[in-house]
Amino acid sequence: MSTPSLSTLPVRRLTPRDLTACADLSENRGWPREEHKWGLLLAAGTGYGIDDPEGGLVSACVVTSYGPPERPELAAIGMVLVAERHARQGVGRRLMRHVVDAAGSTPLTLHATEYGRPLYEELGFKTTGRAEMLRGPFRPTGQAPSVRTRPATAEDLQAILRLDGEVFGTDRTAMLTRLPAFADQLRVAEDGGELIGYAAAWPNMDTHVVGPLIARDTETAKALVADLAAHTDRPLRTDIDVRHEELVSWLKSQGLESWSFNAVMTYGIPELPGDWTRRFAPLTVAAG
C-alpha cells in the first residue's frame, strides 16, 4: 500500500485532544514538549495540523485571534512545526498558506527564528521588530526597584483587561481570563489606586516564563519582574522587545543571559497596534 503524497494530505483543525500529538511533534524537532503551553494555545486559539498516515502529526501550528470573535482585529501564529522526516518538503509552506488564506483580511503577526524567517518573507510577512530571549537565575543586585507590586486578585481582572486592551491595541479577554489558572503568579502595580502594570510568571519545563509584561515605565517593569522572581526558585525566561534597552541591560545585570533573538513579523499591517512603550514582553512568543 503506497503512502499518500504530502500534498494530498488534508489540513484539519486541532483540538485539545491533540495535545499529546503536538507535544510529540515538539519533541521530534528537539523542542521541549511544553504540554502546559500547548494546552493553553489549543484551548484559547485555533490549531491546524496535517495527520501522518503512519501516526502522529506531519505538521502543526496554532493561531490565536484577538478582538471581536466575529471579526478579529489581529491574529498571532505560533508553534509552527514540521516532523523531522518530512522537513524541507514544502509542508510548512503549505500549512502556512492555508493559515494565511483562512485568516482572510485579519492582520497577522508571528515571532520568527532565523531558520523560519525566509519562508515567512516568501509569504509576504515583513520584519517590524525584534525580541531578545533572556533566561537564567535572577540574582538581585544594586538598588531595588522603587515601585511596589502585589499579587493580583479576582477584583483586579477588569482593570487588567482595560489596561491590556489599551497597551496591546485590541481585546485579549479570551486569553487573559485563562491567565490566573495558567500562571503560577500574577502581580499588579498601582499608583494612587490606578493600575499601571501587570505581569505573570508561568511554568515552562524548568523555568518560569515572565509574560505578559505590561508596565507604565521601565521602573514598574523592573519591580514586577523582581517581585515575581522573589517568589520562585526556578530560573526565569522572558522575551523583551529590544527597544527596551534599559530593561534588557538591567535583566542582564541581575543574572539573566541573552539566549537568542526572534524577528517580530507582521502581515497586512505595517506594525503592531497598541503602545510598544508599555508592552515589554508577550505572554508567549507563540501568541503575542
C-alpha atoms as a PDB file:
ATOM      1  CA  MET A   1       0.000   0.000   0.000  1.00  0.00           C
ATOM      2  CA  SER A   2       1.559   3.283  -1.089  1.00  0.00           C
ATOM      3  CA  THR A   3       1.887   6.237   1.289  1.00  0.00           C
ATOM      4  CA  PRO A   4      -0.256   9.228   0.248  1.00  0.00           C
ATOM      5  CA  SER A   5       1.611  12.247  -1.095  1.00  0.00           C
ATOM      6  CA  LEU A   6       2.152  15.009   1.436  1.00  0.00           C
ATOM      7  CA  SER A   7       0.491  17.428  -0.966  1.00  0.00           C
ATOM      8  CA  THR A   8      -2.769  15.485  -0.799  1.00  0.00           C
ATOM      9  CA  LEU A   9      -2.992  15.136   2.971  1.00  0.00           C
ATOM     10  CA  PRO A  10      -5.736  17.447   4.293  1.00  0.00           C
ATOM     11  CA  VAL A  11      -5.195  20.256   6.792  1.00  0.00           C
ATOM     12  CA  ARG A  12      -7.580  19.896   9.728  1.00  0.00           C
ATOM     13  CA  ARG A  13      -8.462  21.787  12.883  1.00  0.00           C
ATOM     14  CA  LEU A  14      -6.711  20.602  16.012  1.00  0.00           C
ATOM     15  CA  THR A  15      -8.428  20.384  19.389  1.00  0.00           C
ATOM     16  CA  PRO A  16      -7.232  19.950  22.983  1.00  0.00           C
ATOM     17  CA  ARG A  17      -7.448  16.193  22.352  1.00  0.00           C
ATOM     18  CA  ASP A  18      -4.429  16.618  20.060  1.00  0.00           C
ATOM     19  CA  LEU A  19      -2.216  17.915  22.879  1.00  0.00           C
ATOM     20  CA  THR A  20      -0.112  14.758  23.164  1.00  0.00           C
ATOM     21  CA  ALA A  21       0.430  14.584  19.404  1.00  0.00           C
ATOM     22  CA  CYS A  22       1.509  18.257  19.396  1.00  0.00           C
ATOM     23  CA  ALA A  23       3.911  17.647  22.282  1.00  0.00           C
ATOM     24  CA  ASP A  24       5.288  14.588  20.459  1.00  0.00           C
ATOM     25  CA  LEU A  25       5.888  16.758  17.392  1.00  0.00           C
ATOM     26  CA  SER A  26       7.733  19.331  19.514  1.00  0.00           C
ATOM     27  CA  GLU A  27       9.932  16.588  20.935  1.00  0.00           C
ATOM     28  CA  ASN A  28      10.552  15.196  17.457  1.00  0.00           C
ATOM     29  CA  ARG A  29      12.075  18.545  16.429  1.00  0.00           C
ATOM     30  CA  GLY A  30      14.234  18.808  19.517  1.00  0.00           C
ATOM     31  CA  TRP A  31      11.964  21.268  21.338  1.00  0.00           C
ATOM     32  CA  PRO A  32      10.722  20.746  24.885  1.00  0.00           C
ATOM     33  CA  ARG A  33       7.318  19.065  24.969  1.00  0.00           C
ATOM     34  CA  GLU A  34       5.751  22.207  26.521  1.00  0.00           C
ATOM     35  CA  GLU A  35       2.441  20.485  27.232  1.00  0.00           C
ATOM     36  CA  HIS A  36       1.324  23.275  29.584  1.00  0.00           C
ATOM     37  CA  LYS A  37       1.723  25.879  26.846  1.00  0.00           C
ATOM     38  CA  TRP A  38       0.206  23.672  24.147  1.00  0.00           C
ATOM     39  CA  GLY A  39      -2.822  23.178  26.392  1.00  0.00           C
ATOM     40  CA  LEU A  40      -3.388  26.918  26.684  1.00  0.00           C
ATOM     41  CA  LEU A  41      -2.917  27.578  22.975  1.00  0.00           C
ATOM     42  CA  LEU A  42      -5.200  24.759  21.838  1.00  0.00           C
ATOM     43  CA  ALA A  43      -7.904  25.933  24.267  1.00  0.00           C
ATOM     44  CA  ALA A  44      -7.660  29.670  23.556  1.00  0.00           C
ATOM     45  CA  GLY A  45      -6.661  29.528  19.889  1.00  0.00           C
ATOM     46  CA  THR A  46      -7.256  27.562  16.710  1.00  0.00           C
ATOM     47  CA  GLY A  47      -4.878  24.734  15.929  1.00  0.00           C
ATOM     48  CA  TYR A  48      -4.160  23.496  12.422  1.00  0.00           C
ATOM     49  CA  GLY A  49      -2.466  20.232  11.597  1.00  0.00           C
ATOM     50  CA  ILE A  50      -1.744  17.601   8.974  1.00  0.00           C
ATOM     51  CA  ASP A  51      -2.046  13.987  10.108  1.00  0.00           C
ATOM     52  CA  ASP A  52       0.681  11.481   9.306  1.00  0.00           C
ATOM     53  CA  PRO A  53      -0.856   8.289   7.825  1.00  0.00           C
ATOM     54  CA  GLU A  54       1.678   6.375   9.886  1.00  0.00           C
ATOM     55  CA  GLY A  55       0.577   8.061  13.115  1.00  0.00           C
ATOM     56  CA  GLY A  56       1.070  11.405  14.774  1.00  0.00           C
ATOM     57  CA  LEU A  57       1.288  14.739  13.018  1.00  0.00           C
ATOM     58  CA  VAL A  58       3.226  15.747   9.937  1.00  0.00           C
ATOM     59  CA  SER A  59       2.881  19.414  10.836  1.00  0.00           C
ATOM     60  CA  ALA A  60       1.062  21.749  13.229  1.00  0.00           C
ATOM     61  CA  CYS A  61       0.622  25.362  14.265  1.00  0.00           C
ATOM     62  CA  VAL A  62      -1.736  27.461  16.392  1.00  0.00           C
ATOM     63  CA  VAL A  63      -3.452  30.762  15.574  1.00  0.00           C
ATOM     64  CA  THR A  64      -4.637  32.970  18.451  1.00  0.00           C
ATOM     65  CA  SER A  65      -7.145  35.631  17.425  1.00  0.00           C
ATOM     66  CA  TYR A  66      -7.830  38.878  19.277  1.00  0.00           C
ATOM     67  CA  GLY A  67     -10.685  41.354  19.153  1.00  0.00           C
ATOM     68  CA  PRO A  68     -14.351  40.571  18.449  1.00  0.00           C
ATOM     69  CA  PRO A  69     -14.765  36.823  17.732  1.00  0.00           C
ATOM     70  CA  GLU A  70     -16.886  37.556  14.665  1.00  0.00           C
ATOM     71  CA  ARG A  71     -14.273  39.919  13.232  1.00  0.00           C
ATOM     72  CA  PRO A  72     -10.797  39.531  14.778  1.00  0.00           C
ATOM     73  CA  GLU A  73      -8.525  42.568  14.654  1.00  0.00           C
ATOM     74  CA  LEU A  74      -5.236  40.653  14.967  1.00  0.00           C
ATOM     75  CA  ALA A  75      -4.140  37.013  14.967  1.00  0.00           C
ATOM     76  CA  ALA A  76      -0.845  35.578  16.192  1.00  0.00           C
ATOM     77  CA  ILE A  77       0.675  32.468  14.613  1.00  0.00           C
ATOM     78  CA  GLY A  78       2.887  30.216  16.702  1.00  0.00           C
ATOM     79  CA  MET A  79       4.272  26.731  17.269  1.00  0.00           C
ATOM     80  CA  VAL A  80       4.843  26.147  13.542  1.00  0.00           C
ATOM     81  CA  LEU A  81       6.405  22.681  13.360  1.00  0.00           C
ATOM     82  CA  VAL A  82       7.109  20.009  10.748  1.00  0.00           C
ATOM     83  CA  ALA A  83       8.162  16.490  11.682  1.00  0.00           C
ATOM     84  CA  GLU A  84      11.854  15.832  11.053  1.00  0.00           C
ATOM     85  CA  ARG A  85      11.314  13.149   8.418  1.00  0.00           C
ATOM     86  CA  HIS A  86       9.027  15.453   6.429  1.00  0.00           C
ATOM     87  CA  ALA A  87      11.199  18.573   6.691  1.00  0.00           C
ATOM     88  CA  ARG A  88      12.231  20.533   3.614  1.00  0.00           C
ATOM     89  CA  GLN A  89       9.433  19.077   1.508  1.00  0.00           C
ATOM     90  CA  GLY A  90       7.176  22.139   1.386  1.00  0.00           C
ATOM     91  CA  VAL A  91       4.879  21.014   4.215  1.00  0.00           C
ATOM     92  CA  GLY A  92       5.435  24.094   6.352  1.00  0.00           C
ATOM     93  CA  ARG A  93       4.819  26.363   3.386  1.00  0.00           C
ATOM     94  CA  ARG A  94       1.581  24.537   2.574  1.00  0.00           C
ATOM     95  CA  LEU A  95       0.323  24.767   6.154  1.00  0.00           C
ATOM     96  CA  MET A  96       1.222  28.457   6.407  1.00  0.00           C
ATOM     97  CA  ARG A  97      -0.527  29.258   3.109  1.00  0.00           C
ATOM     98  CA  HIS A  98      -3.634  27.535   4.469  1.00  0.00           C
ATOM     99  CA  VAL A  99      -3.458  29.604   7.666  1.00  0.00           C
ATOM    100  CA  VAL A 100      -2.960  32.875   5.788  1.00  0.00           C
ATOM    101  CA  ASP A 101      -5.871  32.081   3.477  1.00  0.00           C
ATOM    102  CA  ALA A 102      -8.092  31.118   6.424  1.00  0.00           C
ATOM    103  CA  ALA A 103      -7.301  34.427   8.152  1.00  0.00           C
ATOM    104  CA  GLY A 104      -8.738  36.385   5.226  1.00  0.00           C
ATOM    105  CA  SER A 105      -8.419  40.111   5.933  1.00  0.00           C
ATOM    106  CA  THR A 106      -7.303  39.668   9.570  1.00  0.00           C
ATOM    107  CA  PRO A 107      -3.801  41.115  10.125  1.00  0.00           C
ATOM    108  CA  LEU A 108      -1.254  38.539  11.287  1.00  0.00           C
ATOM    109  CA  THR A 109       1.832  38.547  13.456  1.00  0.00           C
ATOM    110  CA  LEU A 110       4.445  36.000  14.493  1.00  0.00           C
ATOM    111  CA  HIS A 111       7.879  35.673  16.071  1.00  0.00           C
ATOM    112  CA  ALA A 112      10.313  34.081  13.628  1.00  0.00           C
ATOM    113  CA  THR A 113      13.639  32.369  14.150  1.00  0.00           C
ATOM    114  CA  GLU A 114      16.402  32.894  11.610  1.00  0.00           C
ATOM    115  CA  TYR A 115      15.549  29.434  10.272  1.00  0.00           C
ATOM    116  CA  GLY A 116      11.885  30.237   9.699  1.00  0.00           C
ATOM    117  CA  ARG A 117      12.098  33.840   8.576  1.00  0.00           C
ATOM    118  CA  PRO A 118      12.814  33.187   4.831  1.00  0.00           C
ATOM    119  CA  LEU A 119       9.578  31.190   4.496  1.00  0.00           C
ATOM    120  CA  TYR A 120       7.528  33.920   6.158  1.00  0.00           C
ATOM    121  CA  GLU A 121       9.134  36.584   3.973  1.00  0.00           C
ATOM    122  CA  GLU A 122       8.237  34.499   0.922  1.00  0.00           C
ATOM    123  CA  LEU A 123       4.617  34.516   2.110  1.00  0.00           C
ATOM    124  CA  GLY A 124       4.583  38.306   2.458  1.00  0.00           C
ATOM    125  CA  PHE A 125       5.417  38.842   6.134  1.00  0.00           C
ATOM    126  CA  LYS A 126       7.608  41.849   6.962  1.00  0.00           C
ATOM    127  CA  THR A 127      10.027  42.202   9.868  1.00  0.00           C
ATOM    128  CA  THR A 128       8.776  45.077  12.023  1.00  0.00           C
ATOM    129  CA  GLY A 129      10.581  44.432  15.305  1.00  0.00           C
ATOM    130  CA  ARG A 130      12.943  42.246  17.278  1.00  0.00           C
ATOM    131  CA  ALA A 131      12.762  40.427  20.607  1.00  0.00           C
ATOM    132  CA  GLU A 132      15.626  39.126  22.733  1.00  0.00           C
ATOM    133  CA  MET A 133      15.144  35.971  24.790  1.00  0.00           C
ATOM    134  CA  LEU A 134      16.806  36.232  28.180  1.00  0.00           C
ATOM    135  CA  ARG A 135      16.994  33.403  30.668  1.00  0.00           C
ATOM    136  CA  GLY A 136      18.778  32.347  33.810  1.00  0.00           C
ATOM    137  CA  PRO A 137      18.672  32.588  37.604  1.00  0.00           C
ATOM    138  CA  PHE A 138      17.594  36.018  38.839  1.00  0.00           C
ATOM    139  CA  ARG A 139      20.204  37.312  41.319  1.00  0.00           C
ATOM    140  CA  PRO A 140      19.173  40.759  42.577  1.00  0.00           C
ATOM    141  CA  THR A 141      21.967  43.318  42.773  1.00  0.00           C
ATOM    142  CA  GLY A 142      22.029  47.063  43.236  1.00  0.00           C
ATOM    143  CA  GLN A 143      19.142  49.204  44.387  1.00  0.00           C
ATOM    144  CA  ALA A 144      15.736  47.515  44.406  1.00  0.00           C
ATOM    145  CA  PRO A 145      13.057  48.998  42.101  1.00  0.00           C
ATOM    146  CA  SER A 146      11.074  51.746  43.804  1.00  0.00           C
ATOM    147  CA  VAL A 147       7.604  50.634  42.644  1.00  0.00           C
ATOM    148  CA  ARG A 148       5.636  48.295  44.890  1.00  0.00           C
ATOM    149  CA  THR A 149       3.622  45.403  43.479  1.00  0.00           C
ATOM    150  CA  ARG A 150       1.195  42.888  44.972  1.00  0.00           C
ATOM    151  CA  PRO A 151      -0.470  39.621  43.980  1.00  0.00           C
ATOM    152  CA  ALA A 152      -3.473  40.153  41.716  1.00  0.00           C
ATOM    153  CA  THR A 153      -6.950  39.257  42.956  1.00  0.00           C
ATOM    154  CA  ALA A 154     -10.153  38.429  41.115  1.00  0.00           C
ATOM    155  CA  GLU A 155     -11.221  42.057  41.623  1.00  0.00           C
ATOM    156  CA  ASP A 156      -8.250  43.211  39.503  1.00  0.00           C
ATOM    157  CA  LEU A 157      -9.307  41.339  36.355  1.00  0.00           C
ATOM    158  CA  GLN A 158     -11.405  44.092  34.779  1.00  0.00           C
ATOM    159  CA  ALA A 159      -8.674  46.691  35.349  1.00  0.00           C
ATOM    160  CA  ILE A 160      -6.099  44.298  33.867  1.00  0.00           C
ATOM    161  CA  LEU A 161      -8.276  43.800  30.790  1.00  0.00           C
ATOM    162  CA  ARG A 162      -8.743  47.561  30.348  1.00  0.00           C
ATOM    163  CA  LEU A 163      -5.027  48.295  30.644  1.00  0.00           C
ATOM    164  CA  ASP A 164      -4.077  45.392  28.401  1.00  0.00           C
ATOM    165  CA  GLY A 165      -6.548  46.427  25.691  1.00  0.00           C
ATOM    166  CA  GLU A 166      -5.120  49.938  25.702  1.00  0.00           C
ATOM    167  CA  VAL A 167      -1.496  48.772  25.533  1.00  0.00           C
ATOM    168  CA  PHE A 168      -1.878  45.708  23.300  1.00  0.00           C
ATOM    169  CA  GLY A 169      -4.182  47.561  20.932  1.00  0.00           C
ATOM    170  CA  THR A 170      -7.007  45.048  20.834  1.00  0.00           C
ATOM    171  CA  ASP A 171      -9.055  42.891  23.195  1.00  0.00           C
ATOM    172  CA  ARG A 172      -7.396  39.775  24.634  1.00  0.00           C
ATOM    173  CA  THR A 173     -10.150  38.825  27.082  1.00  0.00           C
ATOM    174  CA  ALA A 174     -10.477  35.228  25.849  1.00  0.00           C
ATOM    175  CA  MET A 175      -6.780  34.637  26.524  1.00  0.00           C
ATOM    176  CA  LEU A 176      -6.264  36.713  29.669  1.00  0.00           C
ATOM    177  CA  THR A 177      -9.217  35.242  31.548  1.00  0.00           C
ATOM    178  CA  ARG A 178      -7.305  31.946  31.389  1.00  0.00           C
ATOM    179  CA  LEU A 179      -4.158  33.541  32.809  1.00  0.00           C
ATOM    180  CA  PRO A 180      -4.915  33.147  36.552  1.00  0.00           C
ATOM    181  CA  ALA A 181      -5.279  29.378  36.155  1.00  0.00           C
ATOM    182  CA  PHE A 182      -2.394  29.083  33.665  1.00  0.00           C
ATOM    183  CA  ALA A 183       0.188  31.113  35.587  1.00  0.00           C
ATOM    184  CA  ASP A 184       1.768  30.333  38.939  1.00  0.00           C
ATOM    185  CA  GLN A 185       1.931  34.051  39.734  1.00  0.00           C
ATOM    186  CA  LEU A 186       0.059  37.145  38.595  1.00  0.00           C
ATOM    187  CA  ARG A 187       1.087  40.516  40.040  1.00  0.00           C
ATOM    188  CA  VAL A 188      -0.086  44.095  39.583  1.00  0.00           C
ATOM    189  CA  ALA A 189       1.395  47.536  40.194  1.00  0.00           C
ATOM    190  CA  GLU A 190      -0.718  50.544  41.183  1.00  0.00           C
ATOM    191  CA  ASP A 191      -0.298  54.282  41.585  1.00  0.00           C
ATOM    192  CA  GLY A 192      -2.968  56.119  43.553  1.00  0.00           C
ATOM    193  CA  GLY A 193      -5.403  53.266  43.037  1.00  0.00           C
ATOM    194  CA  GLU A 194      -4.791  53.166  39.265  1.00  0.00           C
ATOM    195  CA  LEU A 195      -3.408  50.005  37.710  1.00  0.00           C
ATOM    196  CA  ILE A 196      -0.129  50.888  35.971  1.00  0.00           C
ATOM    197  CA  GLY A 197       1.205  47.430  35.181  1.00  0.00           C
ATOM    198  CA  TYR A 198       0.785  43.701  35.495  1.00  0.00           C
ATOM    199  CA  ALA A 199       2.852  40.611  34.816  1.00  0.00           C
ATOM    200  CA  ALA A 200       2.596  36.858  35.092  1.00  0.00           C
ATOM    201  CA  ALA A 201       5.063  34.036  35.632  1.00  0.00           C
ATOM    202  CA  TRP A 202       4.034  30.676  34.208  1.00  0.00           C
ATOM    203  CA  PRO A 203       5.787  27.307  34.310  1.00  0.00           C
ATOM    204  CA  ASN A 204       7.553  26.043  31.215  1.00  0.00           C
ATOM    205  CA  MET A 205       9.730  22.980  31.776  1.00  0.00           C
ATOM    206  CA  ASP A 206      12.414  24.032  34.302  1.00  0.00           C
ATOM    207  CA  THR A 207      11.832  27.801  34.039  1.00  0.00           C
ATOM    208  CA  HIS A 208       9.212  30.384  34.870  1.00  0.00           C
ATOM    209  CA  VAL A 209       8.363  32.492  31.827  1.00  0.00           C
ATOM    210  CA  VAL A 210       7.677  36.154  32.617  1.00  0.00           C
ATOM    211  CA  GLY A 211       4.897  37.312  30.316  1.00  0.00           C
ATOM    212  CA  PRO A 212       2.816  39.223  29.626  1.00  0.00           C
ATOM    213  CA  LEU A 213       4.819  42.149  30.991  1.00  0.00           C
ATOM    214  CA  ILE A 214       2.840  45.372  30.668  1.00  0.00           C
ATOM    215  CA  ALA A 215       4.027  48.459  32.573  1.00  0.00           C
ATOM    216  CA  ARG A 216       3.776  52.245  32.611  1.00  0.00           C
ATOM    217  CA  ASP A 217       7.560  52.598  32.535  1.00  0.00           C
ATOM    218  CA  THR A 218      10.797  50.670  32.936  1.00  0.00           C
ATOM    219  CA  GLU A 219      10.908  51.094  36.714  1.00  0.00           C
ATOM    220  CA  THR A 220       7.476  49.487  37.011  1.00  0.00           C
ATOM    221  CA  ALA A 221       8.561  46.652  34.703  1.00  0.00           C
ATOM    222  CA  LYS A 222      11.659  46.050  36.849  1.00  0.00           C
ATOM    223  CA  ALA A 223       9.568  45.909  40.020  1.00  0.00           C
ATOM    224  CA  LEU A 224       7.150  43.385  38.542  1.00  0.00           C
ATOM    225  CA  VAL A 225       9.974  41.106  37.384  1.00  0.00           C
ATOM    226  CA  ALA A 226      11.878  41.403  40.657  1.00  0.00           C
ATOM    227  CA  ASP A 227       8.815  40.552  42.729  1.00  0.00           C
ATOM    228  CA  LEU A 228       7.902  37.598  40.514  1.00  0.00           C
ATOM    229  CA  ALA A 229      11.498  36.348  40.809  1.00  0.00           C
ATOM    230  CA  ALA A 230      11.390  36.666  44.599  1.00  0.00           C
ATOM    231  CA  HIS A 231       8.625  34.080  44.735  1.00  0.00           C
ATOM    232  CA  THR A 232      10.156  31.325  42.603  1.00  0.00           C
ATOM    233  CA  ASP A 233      13.256  29.174  42.833  1.00  0.00           C
ATOM    234  CA  ARG A 234      13.264  28.484  39.093  1.00  0.00           C
ATOM    235  CA  PRO A 235      15.356  30.336  36.509  1.00  0.00           C
ATOM    236  CA  LEU A 236      13.433  32.994  34.604  1.00  0.00           C
ATOM    237  CA  ARG A 237      12.866  33.307  30.890  1.00  0.00           C
ATOM    238  CA  THR A 238      11.402  36.316  29.106  1.00  0.00           C
ATOM    239  CA  ASP A 239      11.332  37.740  25.571  1.00  0.00           C
ATOM    240  CA  ILE A 240      11.883  41.504  25.662  1.00  0.00           C
ATOM    241  CA  ASP A 241      11.269  43.973  22.840  1.00  0.00           C
ATOM    242  CA  VAL A 242      14.824  45.118  22.074  1.00  0.00           C
ATOM    243  CA  ARG A 243      13.727  48.760  22.050  1.00  0.00           C
ATOM    244  CA  HIS A 244      13.505  48.477  25.843  1.00  0.00           C
ATOM    245  CA  GLU A 245      17.275  48.712  26.133  1.00  0.00           C
ATOM    246  CA  GLU A 246      17.287  49.808  29.781  1.00  0.00           C
ATOM    247  CA  LEU A 247      15.247  46.795  30.902  1.00  0.00           C
ATOM    248  CA  VAL A 248      17.379  44.397  28.853  1.00  0.00           C
ATOM    249  CA  SER A 249      20.568  45.790  30.412  1.00  0.00           C
ATOM    250  CA  TRP A 250      19.077  45.614  33.908  1.00  0.00           C
ATOM    251  CA  LEU A 251      17.961  41.994  33.479  1.00  0.00           C
ATOM    252  CA  LYS A 252      21.467  41.050  32.382  1.00  0.00           C
ATOM    253  CA  SER A 253      22.885  42.813  35.448  1.00  0.00           C
ATOM    254  CA  GLN A 254      20.533  40.668  37.569  1.00  0.00           C
ATOM    255  CA  GLY A 255      21.914  37.410  36.230  1.00  0.00           C
ATOM    256  CA  LEU A 256      19.893  36.643  33.085  1.00  0.00           C
ATOM    257  CA  GLU A 257      21.777  35.933  29.877  1.00  0.00           C
ATOM    258  CA  SER A 258      20.975  36.529  26.233  1.00  0.00           C
ATOM    259  CA  TRP A 259      19.796  33.268  24.679  1.00  0.00           C
ATOM    260  CA  SER A 260      18.530  34.129  21.196  1.00  0.00           C
ATOM    261  CA  PHE A 261      16.739  36.701  19.067  1.00  0.00           C
ATOM    262  CA  ASN A 262      13.472  36.472  17.147  1.00  0.00           C
ATOM    263  CA  ALA A 263      12.194  38.695  14.371  1.00  0.00           C
ATOM    264  CA  VAL A 264       8.745  40.127  15.076  1.00  0.00           C
ATOM    265  CA  MET A 265       6.884  39.964  11.772  1.00  0.00           C
ATOM    266  CA  THR A 266       3.532  41.255  10.551  1.00  0.00           C
ATOM    267  CA  TYR A 267       1.278  40.591   7.575  1.00  0.00           C
ATOM    268  CA  GLY A 268      -1.389  43.034   6.436  1.00  0.00           C
ATOM    269  CA  ILE A 269      -0.304  45.851   8.790  1.00  0.00           C
ATOM    270  CA  PRO A 270       2.882  47.967   8.840  1.00  0.00           C
ATOM    271  CA  GLU A 271       3.404  47.462  12.588  1.00  0.00           C
ATOM    272  CA  LEU A 272       1.694  46.025  15.632  1.00  0.00           C
ATOM    273  CA  PRO A 273      -1.156  48.051  17.150  1.00  0.00           C
ATOM    274  CA  GLY A 274      -1.083  49.485  20.656  1.00  0.00           C
ATOM    275  CA  ASP A 275       1.638  51.203  22.666  1.00  0.00           C
ATOM    276  CA  TRP A 276       5.004  49.450  22.434  1.00  0.00           C
ATOM    277  CA  THR A 277       6.491  51.743  25.085  1.00  0.00           C
ATOM    278  CA  ARG A 278       4.383  49.948  27.716  1.00  0.00           C
ATOM    279  CA  ARG A 279       4.476  46.478  26.131  1.00  0.00           C
ATOM    280  CA  PHE A 280       7.705  44.893  27.353  1.00  0.00           C
ATOM    281  CA  ALA A 281       7.179  41.156  26.797  1.00  0.00           C
ATOM    282  CA  PRO A 282       4.496  38.907  25.248  1.00  0.00           C
ATOM    283  CA  LEU A 283       2.587  36.255  27.150  1.00  0.00           C
ATOM    284  CA  THR A 284       4.451  33.851  24.894  1.00  0.00           C
ATOM    285  CA  VAL A 285       6.086  34.376  21.523  1.00  0.00           C
ATOM    286  CA  ALA A 286       3.580  31.827  20.186  1.00  0.00           C
ATOM    287  CA  ALA A 287       0.593  34.061  20.977  1.00  0.00           C
ATOM    288  CA  GLY A 288       1.853  37.647  21.192  1.00  0.00           C
END
